[in-house]
Amino acid sequence: MSRVKRSVHARKKRRETLAMTKGMRGNASRRYRSAKEALLKADQYRYRDRRNRKRDFRRLWITRINAAARLNGLSYSQFMHGLELANVELDRKVLADMAVHDADTFRRVAERAREALAAG
């Protein structure tokens, strides 16, 4: 079997790895082995944090909805239960945006939730 010369491909691979780690601290941006390890770790963090971002945003939305609901005399759990009883199908992202940018509409939604709680 003939042998494969890798010099061109190997150099290209190393150059791309070092280009991706440009801006990292210490040897991670200068030495190939350190750069390769740093990239592996960076990819793990990237994968993990794509999931954590969803978690963080949901927490933020719940905090904002809770604050706005309490201004309207309801706790978060009462507010969400009232919306469920009133068959209002708005997700937390929309409700949080409404709470921050459109307090009047949020107040009306809170009234519907309160009426549904009283009726049910």
C-alpha atoms as a PDB file:
ATOM      1  CA  MET A   1       0.000   0.000   0.000  1.00  0.00           C
ATOM      2  CA  SER A   2       1.284   3.445  -0.849  1.00  0.00           C
ATOM      3  CA  ARG A   3       1.885   5.934   1.904  1.00  0.00           C
ATOM      4  CA  VAL A   4      -0.138   9.111   2.385  1.00  0.00           C
ATOM      5  CA  LYS A   5       1.668  12.399   2.794  1.00  0.00           C
ATOM      6  CA  ARG A   6      -0.323  14.594   5.202  1.00  0.00           C
ATOM      7  CA  SER A   7       1.738  17.739   5.426  1.00  0.00           C
ATOM      8  CA  VAL A   8      -0.637  20.034   3.519  1.00  0.00           C
ATOM      9  CA  HIS A   9      -3.805  18.800   5.219  1.00  0.00           C
ATOM     10  CA  ALA A  10      -2.182  18.680   8.659  1.00  0.00           C
ATOM     11  CA  ARG A  11      -0.964  22.268   8.343  1.00  0.00           C
ATOM     12  CA  LYS A  12      -4.388  23.404   7.164  1.00  0.00           C
ATOM     13  CA  LYS A  13      -6.044  21.658  10.122  1.00  0.00           C
ATOM     14  CA  ARG A  14      -3.657  23.263  12.612  1.00  0.00           C
ATOM     15  CA  ARG A  15      -4.084  26.685  11.038  1.00  0.00           C
ATOM     16  CA  GLU A  16      -7.892  26.440  11.254  1.00  0.00           C
ATOM     17  CA  THR A  17      -7.733  25.318  14.895  1.00  0.00           C
ATOM     18  CA  LEU A  18      -5.437  28.221  15.798  1.00  0.00           C
ATOM     19  CA  ALA A  19      -7.703  30.626  13.893  1.00  0.00           C
ATOM     20  CA  MET A  20     -10.708  29.449  15.936  1.00  0.00           C
ATOM     21  CA  THR A  21      -8.851  29.974  19.215  1.00  0.00           C
ATOM     22  CA  LYS A  22      -7.650  33.447  18.274  1.00  0.00           C
ATOM     23  CA  GLY A  23      -8.323  35.767  21.196  1.00  0.00           C
ATOM     24  CA  MET A  24      -8.143  33.072  23.873  1.00  0.00           C
ATOM     25  CA  ARG A  25      -5.792  33.556  26.805  1.00  0.00           C
ATOM     26  CA  GLY A  26      -2.303  32.139  27.125  1.00  0.00           C
ATOM     27  CA  ASN A  27      -1.079  29.200  25.096  1.00  0.00           C
ATOM     28  CA  ALA A  28      -4.611  28.366  23.948  1.00  0.00           C
ATOM     29  CA  SER A  29      -4.210  30.834  21.103  1.00  0.00           C
ATOM     30  CA  ARG A  30      -0.590  29.973  20.281  1.00  0.00           C
ATOM     31  CA  ARG A  31       0.202  26.275  20.776  1.00  0.00           C
ATOM     32  CA  TYR A  32      -1.675  23.687  18.732  1.00  0.00           C
ATOM     33  CA  ARG A  33      -2.125  21.095  21.484  1.00  0.00           C
ATOM     34  CA  SER A  34      -3.392  23.681  23.992  1.00  0.00           C
ATOM     35  CA  ALA A  35      -5.599  25.221  21.318  1.00  0.00           C
ATOM     36  CA  LYS A  36      -7.125  21.854  20.460  1.00  0.00           C
ATOM     37  CA  GLU A  37      -7.925  21.149  24.119  1.00  0.00           C
ATOM     38  CA  ALA A  38      -9.330  24.650  24.582  1.00  0.00           C
ATOM     39  CA  LEU A  39     -11.596  24.150  21.556  1.00  0.00           C
ATOM     40  CA  LEU A  40     -12.893  20.844  22.903  1.00  0.00           C
ATOM     41  CA  LYS A  41     -13.733  22.525  26.200  1.00  0.00           C
ATOM     42  CA  ALA A  42     -15.266  25.543  24.454  1.00  0.00           C
ATOM     43  CA  ASP A  43     -17.521  23.246  22.441  1.00  0.00           C
ATOM     44  CA  GLN A  44     -18.686  21.522  25.631  1.00  0.00           C
ATOM     45  CA  TYR A  45     -19.527  24.884  27.218  1.00  0.00           C
ATOM     46  CA  ARG A  46     -21.280  26.013  24.050  1.00  0.00           C
ATOM     47  CA  TYR A  47     -23.434  22.883  23.944  1.00  0.00           C
ATOM     48  CA  ARG A  48     -24.292  23.107  27.662  1.00  0.00           C
ATOM     49  CA  ASP A  49     -25.064  26.809  27.589  1.00  0.00           C
ATOM     50  CA  ARG A  50     -27.404  26.592  24.616  1.00  0.00           C
ATOM     51  CA  ARG A  51     -29.636  24.594  26.958  1.00  0.00           C
ATOM     52  CA  ASN A  52     -28.978  26.797  29.974  1.00  0.00           C
ATOM     53  CA  ARG A  53     -29.964  29.910  27.994  1.00  0.00           C
ATOM     54  CA  LYS A  54     -33.499  28.537  27.635  1.00  0.00           C
ATOM     55  CA  ARG A  55     -33.608  27.899  31.388  1.00  0.00           C
ATOM     56  CA  ASP A  56     -32.323  31.399  32.186  1.00  0.00           C
ATOM     57  CA  PHE A  57     -34.841  33.136  29.931  1.00  0.00           C
ATOM     58  CA  ARG A  58     -37.737  31.182  31.407  1.00  0.00           C
ATOM     59  CA  ARG A  59     -36.638  32.266  34.907  1.00  0.00           C
ATOM     60  CA  LEU A  60     -36.453  35.893  33.745  1.00  0.00           C
ATOM     61  CA  TRP A  61     -39.919  35.743  32.189  1.00  0.00           C
ATOM     62  CA  ILE A  62     -41.424  34.210  35.332  1.00  0.00           C
ATOM     63  CA  THR A  63     -39.807  36.920  37.481  1.00  0.00           C
ATOM     64  CA  ARG A  64     -41.223  39.673  35.280  1.00  0.00           C
ATOM     65  CA  ILE A  65     -44.696  38.135  35.159  1.00  0.00           C
ATOM     66  CA  ASN A  66     -44.682  37.692  38.938  1.00  0.00           C
ATOM     67  CA  ALA A  67     -43.738  41.348  39.503  1.00  0.00           C
ATOM     68  CA  ALA A  68     -46.452  42.589  37.151  1.00  0.00           C
ATOM     69  CA  ALA A  69     -49.059  40.187  38.561  1.00  0.00           C
ATOM     70  CA  ARG A  70     -48.352  41.376  42.109  1.00  0.00           C
ATOM     71  CA  LEU A  71     -48.877  44.985  40.978  1.00  0.00           C
ATOM     72  CA  ASN A  72     -52.314  43.774  39.900  1.00  0.00           C
ATOM     73  CA  GLY A  73     -53.051  42.025  43.190  1.00  0.00           C
ATOM     74  CA  LEU A  74     -52.305  38.420  42.212  1.00  0.00           C
ATOM     75  CA  SER A  75     -49.422  36.065  42.889  1.00  0.00           C
ATOM     76  CA  TYR A  76     -47.713  34.364  39.956  1.00  0.00           C
ATOM     77  CA  SER A  77     -49.350  31.005  40.629  1.00  0.00           C
ATOM     78  CA  GLN A  78     -52.827  32.551  41.010  1.00  0.00           C
ATOM     79  CA  PHE A  79     -52.322  34.547  37.820  1.00  0.00           C
ATOM     80  CA  MET A  80     -51.215  31.526  35.767  1.00  0.00           C
ATOM     81  CA  HIS A  81     -54.009  29.346  37.189  1.00  0.00           C
ATOM     82  CA  GLY A  82     -56.544  32.058  36.395  1.00  0.00           C
ATOM     83  CA  LEU A  83     -55.297  32.237  32.803  1.00  0.00           C
ATOM     84  CA  GLU A  84     -55.662  28.490  32.491  1.00  0.00           C
ATOM     85  CA  LEU A  85     -59.235  28.634  33.812  1.00  0.00           C
ATOM     86  CA  ALA A  86     -60.008  31.533  31.444  1.00  0.00           C
ATOM     87  CA  ASN A  87     -58.568  29.587  28.484  1.00  0.00           C
ATOM     88  CA  VAL A  88     -56.061  32.338  27.721  1.00  0.00           C
ATOM     89  CA  GLU A  89     -53.264  30.689  25.754  1.00  0.00           C
ATOM     90  CA  LEU A  90     -50.410  33.150  26.003  1.00  0.00           C
ATOM     91  CA  ASP A  91     -46.935  31.811  26.686  1.00  0.00           C
ATOM     92  CA  ARG A  92     -44.577  33.226  29.308  1.00  0.00           C
ATOM     93  CA  LYS A  93     -42.422  35.013  26.744  1.00  0.00           C
ATOM     94  CA  VAL A  94     -45.372  37.017  25.438  1.00  0.00           C
ATOM     95  CA  LEU A  95     -46.739  37.686  28.924  1.00  0.00           C
ATOM     96  CA  ALA A  96     -43.339  38.951  30.138  1.00  0.00           C
ATOM     97  CA  ASP A  97     -42.998  41.250  27.129  1.00  0.00           C
ATOM     98  CA  MET A  98     -46.518  42.522  27.768  1.00  0.00           C
ATOM     99  CA  ALA A  99     -45.699  43.105  31.450  1.00  0.00           C
ATOM    100  CA  VAL A 100     -42.671  45.237  30.556  1.00  0.00           C
ATOM    101  CA  HIS A 101     -43.900  47.146  27.486  1.00  0.00           C
ATOM    102  CA  ASP A 102     -47.686  47.178  27.676  1.00  0.00           C
ATOM    103  CA  ALA A 103     -48.875  47.385  31.283  1.00  0.00           C
ATOM    104  CA  ASP A 104     -52.443  48.320  30.318  1.00  0.00           C
ATOM    105  CA  THR A 105     -52.983  45.149  28.285  1.00  0.00           C
ATOM    106  CA  PHE A 106     -51.380  43.077  31.040  1.00  0.00           C
ATOM    107  CA  ARG A 107     -53.803  44.644  33.527  1.00  0.00           C
ATOM    108  CA  ARG A 108     -56.735  43.550  31.342  1.00  0.00           C
ATOM    109  CA  VAL A 109     -55.365  40.005  31.125  1.00  0.00           C
ATOM    110  CA  ALA A 110     -54.937  39.984  34.913  1.00  0.00           C
ATOM    111  CA  GLU A 111     -58.583  41.055  35.283  1.00  0.00           C
ATOM    112  CA  ARG A 112     -59.677  38.099  33.131  1.00  0.00           C
ATOM    113  CA  ALA A 113     -57.567  35.779  35.263  1.00  0.00           C
ATOM    114  CA  ARG A 114     -59.081  37.214  38.454  1.00  0.00           C
ATOM    115  CA  GLU A 115     -62.647  36.805  37.096  1.00  0.00           C
ATOM    116  CA  ALA A 116     -61.928  33.192  36.099  1.00  0.00           C
ATOM    117  CA  LEU A 117     -60.535  32.467  39.581  1.00  0.00           C
ATOM    118  CA  ALA A 118     -63.659  33.949  41.197  1.00  0.00           C
ATOM    119  CA  ALA A 119     -65.973  31.965  38.904  1.00  0.00           C
ATOM    120  CA  GLY A 120     -64.068  28.674  39.155  1.00  0.00           C
END
